[in-house]
């Protein structure tokens, strides 16, 4: 199956059937020495990095409005080397976004903190899939986004109204799976809640919230994949 996806377009996703393979990723096996050497360089430049566990894809395809794939748990050091060697690596990355929609239809994104890998970049609160996000070997996207939003912003989206389905967009940097999560409060109030949470954290992952009020309201530091998602939302797609 390898990687067989439409690229650089937004497409509907009715189900995500991505399974966790208990075996090692071929990229990790083939690059053990380079992974260790690169990790030494990365941590020398940023001692705050933590070698936790994330997942990398070895297969992903779009079939009958479904994303079908296989992934493997890897340490973060492996992921960091892969970021430098995406082309022809035999691996790809998928991650999920809760597109947070305020009661006034503004979007609420976040700006990452200075000690993180994506320091200063703006996107919807998100994180890589981790083994904890899998149920009986199958990824639970909703659990992942609720967990990540809670960890980064303090917001609990478990009771939020969801969009009818997921959508996705695949680019050379990865495949983002996203869905609208509606919060009744206006954007300014949501942002104030996030600011209060960040202020109370000893080592927050984010600098704070970023409100986006229309399709041309593109903040400095916006990640490249975000512009099409913002335009999609304000065009009234569903």
Protein backbone atom coordinates (compact mmCIF):
# COMPACT_ATOMS: atom_id res chain seq x y z
CA UNK A 1 0.00 0.00 0.00
CA UNK A 2 2.85 2.40 0.82
CA UNK A 3 1.62 6.02 0.58
CA UNK A 4 -1.29 6.61 -1.79
CA UNK A 5 -3.03 9.88 -0.99
CA UNK A 6 -4.28 12.97 -2.79
CA UNK A 7 -1.74 15.71 -2.10
CA UNK A 8 -2.22 19.39 -1.29
CA UNK A 9 -6.03 19.24 -1.34
CA UNK A 10 -8.57 18.92 1.48
CA UNK A 11 -10.62 15.74 1.31
CA UNK A 12 -13.40 14.24 3.50
CA UNK A 13 -12.64 11.38 5.87
CA UNK A 14 -15.45 9.21 7.25
CA UNK A 15 -13.16 6.83 9.17
CA UNK A 16 -9.53 6.59 10.22
CA UNK A 17 -8.28 3.00 10.18
CA UNK A 18 -4.65 3.46 11.17
CA UNK A 19 -3.25 0.55 13.16
CA UNK A 20 -0.24 0.26 15.42
CA UNK A 21 2.21 -2.42 14.33
CA UNK A 22 4.11 -3.82 17.35
CA UNK A 23 7.27 -4.24 15.30
CA UNK A 24 9.99 -1.61 14.81
CA UNK A 25 9.78 0.90 11.98
CA UNK A 26 12.22 0.06 9.14
CA UNK A 27 13.50 3.66 9.25
CA UNK A 28 14.52 3.22 12.89
CA UNK A 29 16.29 -0.06 12.19
CA UNK A 30 18.19 1.33 9.19
CA UNK A 31 19.40 4.52 10.88
CA UNK A 32 20.30 3.65 14.48
CA UNK A 33 23.72 5.31 14.51
CA UNK A 34 22.55 8.43 12.68
CA UNK A 35 19.59 8.74 15.06
CA UNK A 36 21.88 8.72 18.10
CA UNK A 37 24.31 11.22 16.54
CA UNK A 38 21.55 13.59 15.49
CA UNK A 39 19.92 13.40 18.93
CA UNK A 40 23.17 14.47 20.56
CA UNK A 41 23.24 17.51 18.29
CA UNK A 42 19.56 18.31 18.86
CA UNK A 43 19.77 18.12 22.66
CA UNK A 44 22.98 20.15 22.71
CA UNK A 45 21.07 22.91 20.88
CA UNK A 46 17.89 22.47 22.94
CA UNK A 47 18.35 20.66 26.28
CA UNK A 48 14.59 20.85 26.92
CA UNK A 49 13.91 18.12 24.35
CA UNK A 50 12.52 14.86 25.77
CA UNK A 51 13.02 11.49 24.12
CA UNK A 52 9.45 10.24 24.50
CA UNK A 53 7.48 7.94 22.23
CA UNK A 54 5.51 8.94 19.12
CA UNK A 55 4.46 7.01 16.02
CA UNK A 56 5.61 7.10 12.40
CA UNK A 57 3.66 5.72 9.47
CA UNK A 58 4.98 2.99 7.20
CA UNK A 59 1.78 2.92 5.10
CA UNK A 60 -1.16 5.25 4.48
CA UNK A 61 -3.78 5.30 1.74
CA UNK A 62 -7.12 6.97 1.01
CA UNK A 63 -9.80 4.41 0.10
CA UNK A 64 -13.57 4.99 -0.09
CA UNK A 65 -13.40 8.12 2.10
CA UNK A 66 -11.28 6.23 4.66
CA UNK A 67 -7.67 6.68 5.73
CA UNK A 68 -6.13 3.22 6.03
CA UNK A 69 -2.61 2.73 7.29
CA UNK A 70 -0.01 1.24 9.56
CA UNK A 71 2.34 2.91 12.00
CA UNK A 72 5.05 2.00 14.49
CA UNK A 73 6.08 3.42 17.85
CA UNK A 74 9.44 5.22 17.66
CA UNK A 75 11.38 7.34 20.11
CA UNK A 76 11.42 11.09 19.56
CA UNK A 77 15.07 10.92 18.56
CA UNK A 78 14.02 8.82 15.55
CA UNK A 79 11.30 11.31 14.69
CA UNK A 80 13.79 14.18 14.82
CA UNK A 81 16.13 12.52 12.33
CA UNK A 82 13.18 11.66 10.09
CA UNK A 83 12.24 15.37 10.02
CA UNK A 84 15.58 16.02 8.35
CA UNK A 85 15.25 13.10 5.91
CA UNK A 86 11.61 13.01 4.88
CA UNK A 87 12.24 12.41 1.19
CA UNK A 88 12.31 8.73 0.19
CA UNK A 89 12.56 7.70 3.84
CA UNK A 90 9.81 5.06 3.71
CA UNK A 91 8.07 6.92 6.53
CA UNK A 92 5.48 9.66 6.88
CA UNK A 93 3.84 11.53 9.73
CA UNK A 94 0.15 12.03 10.49
CA UNK A 95 -1.28 14.21 13.23
CA UNK A 96 -4.66 15.60 14.22
CA UNK A 97 -6.09 19.07 14.79
CA UNK A 98 -9.10 20.16 16.76
CA UNK A 99 -10.18 23.15 14.68
CA UNK A 100 -11.47 25.19 17.61
CA UNK A 101 -14.44 27.33 16.49
CA UNK A 102 -15.67 30.02 18.90
CA UNK A 103 -19.25 31.15 19.26
CA UNK A 104 -18.50 34.18 17.05
CA UNK A 105 -17.10 31.85 14.31
CA UNK A 106 -13.50 32.94 14.95
CA UNK A 107 -10.84 30.25 15.11
CA UNK A 108 -8.62 29.89 18.16
CA UNK A 109 -5.11 28.57 17.50
CA UNK A 110 -1.98 28.57 19.69
CA UNK A 111 1.62 29.81 19.43
CA UNK A 112 4.25 27.33 20.61
CA UNK A 113 6.63 28.19 23.45
CA UNK A 114 10.29 29.04 22.89
CA UNK A 115 11.65 25.77 24.32
CA UNK A 116 9.67 23.56 21.92
CA UNK A 117 10.71 22.15 18.54
CA UNK A 118 8.21 24.43 16.75
CA UNK A 119 9.06 27.53 18.78
CA UNK A 120 6.98 30.55 17.78
CA UNK A 121 4.92 28.67 15.20
CA UNK A 122 1.14 29.01 15.07
CA UNK A 123 -1.30 26.15 14.49
CA UNK A 124 -4.27 24.48 16.15
CA UNK A 125 -3.38 22.75 19.42
CA UNK A 126 -2.06 19.34 18.42
CA UNK A 127 0.50 16.64 19.00
CA UNK A 128 1.77 13.51 17.35
CA UNK A 129 -0.11 10.28 17.89
CA UNK A 130 1.31 8.28 20.79
CA UNK A 131 0.69 4.64 21.82
CA UNK A 132 -1.77 5.88 24.48
CA UNK A 133 -4.03 7.13 21.63
CA UNK A 134 -4.68 3.60 20.31
CA UNK A 135 -7.58 1.36 21.30
CA UNK A 136 -7.15 -2.34 20.48
CA UNK A 137 -4.42 -1.30 18.05
CA UNK A 138 -6.56 1.32 16.23
CA UNK A 139 -5.95 5.05 16.57
CA UNK A 140 -8.64 7.05 18.40
CA UNK A 141 -8.32 10.48 16.78
CA UNK A 142 -10.94 12.10 19.01
CA UNK A 143 -9.11 10.94 22.15
CA UNK A 144 -5.83 12.30 20.80
CA UNK A 145 -7.14 15.79 20.05
CA UNK A 146 -9.02 16.10 23.35
CA UNK A 147 -5.90 14.99 25.23
CA UNK A 148 -3.59 17.36 23.38
CA UNK A 149 -5.90 20.38 23.64
CA UNK A 150 -6.30 19.75 27.35
CA UNK A 151 -2.55 19.46 27.92
CA UNK A 152 -1.70 22.59 25.94
CA UNK A 153 -4.62 24.93 26.71
CA UNK A 154 -6.50 23.55 29.71
CA UNK A 155 -9.72 23.41 27.66
CA UNK A 156 -11.91 20.30 27.93
CA UNK A 157 -13.46 19.54 24.54
CA UNK A 158 -15.01 16.22 25.54
CA UNK A 159 -18.49 17.77 25.54
CA UNK A 160 -17.99 20.03 22.52
CA UNK A 161 -20.17 19.77 19.43
CA UNK A 162 -18.17 18.14 16.64
CA UNK A 163 -18.26 18.67 12.90
CA UNK A 164 -20.06 15.99 10.90
CA UNK A 165 -16.85 14.27 9.82
CA UNK A 166 -13.10 14.54 9.72
CA UNK A 167 -11.22 16.06 6.81
CA UNK A 168 -7.57 15.70 5.91
CA UNK A 169 -4.85 17.30 3.85
CA UNK A 170 -1.62 15.58 2.91
CA UNK A 171 1.55 17.47 2.00
CA UNK A 172 5.26 16.71 1.83
CA UNK A 173 5.52 17.54 5.55
CA UNK A 174 2.76 15.19 6.72
CA UNK A 175 -0.95 14.43 6.77
CA UNK A 176 -3.15 16.56 9.01
CA UNK A 177 -6.51 15.12 10.07
CA UNK A 178 -8.87 17.78 11.36
CA UNK A 179 -12.40 18.35 12.60
CA UNK A 180 -14.33 21.34 13.91
CA UNK A 181 -14.94 21.47 17.66
CA UNK A 182 -17.46 24.19 18.59
CA UNK A 183 -17.29 26.16 21.84
CA UNK A 184 -20.19 28.52 22.58
CA UNK A 185 -18.10 31.28 24.17
CA UNK A 186 -16.71 34.12 22.02
CA UNK A 187 -13.07 33.93 20.98
CA UNK A 188 -11.88 36.60 23.44
CA UNK A 189 -13.33 34.64 26.37
CA UNK A 190 -11.75 31.38 25.18
CA UNK A 191 -8.42 33.15 24.77
CA UNK A 192 -8.67 34.51 28.33
CA UNK A 193 -9.22 30.99 29.67
CA UNK A 194 -6.16 29.75 27.80
CA UNK A 195 -4.05 32.69 29.01
CA UNK A 196 -5.02 31.92 32.62
CA UNK A 197 -4.07 28.26 32.18
CA UNK A 198 -0.70 29.12 30.63
CA UNK A 199 0.07 31.62 33.41
CA UNK A 200 -0.51 28.92 36.03
CA UNK A 201 1.73 26.33 34.35
CA UNK A 202 5.36 25.92 35.49
CA UNK A 203 6.58 24.98 32.02
CA UNK A 204 3.80 25.62 29.49
CA UNK A 205 4.01 24.12 26.01
CA UNK A 206 2.53 27.23 24.42
CA UNK A 207 3.07 30.98 24.64
CA UNK A 208 -0.65 31.59 24.39
CA UNK A 209 -3.72 31.68 22.13
CA UNK A 210 -3.98 33.24 18.68
CA UNK A 211 -7.40 34.37 17.40
CA UNK A 212 -8.07 34.20 13.65
CA UNK A 213 -11.19 36.11 12.61
CA UNK A 214 -11.28 35.81 8.80
CA UNK A 215 -9.50 34.09 5.92
CA UNK A 216 -6.99 36.91 5.44
CA UNK A 217 -6.22 37.17 9.16
CA UNK A 218 -3.00 35.17 8.96
CA UNK A 219 -0.71 35.64 11.97
CA UNK A 220 3.07 35.76 11.86
CA UNK A 221 4.59 32.33 12.35
CA UNK A 222 1.63 30.46 10.83
CA UNK A 223 2.57 26.89 9.85
CA UNK A 224 2.33 26.29 6.11
CA UNK A 225 -0.49 23.74 6.28
CA UNK A 226 -2.73 26.12 8.22
CA UNK A 227 -3.63 28.62 5.48
CA UNK A 228 -5.73 26.14 3.43
CA UNK A 229 -7.51 24.98 6.59
CA UNK A 230 -8.37 28.54 7.59
CA UNK A 231 -9.64 29.35 4.09
CA UNK A 232 -11.68 26.12 4.09
CA UNK A 233 -13.38 27.08 7.36
CA UNK A 234 -14.27 30.65 6.41
CA UNK A 235 -15.55 29.51 3.00
CA UNK A 236 -18.31 27.72 4.92
CA UNK A 237 -17.35 24.17 3.98
CA UNK A 238 -18.70 21.25 5.97
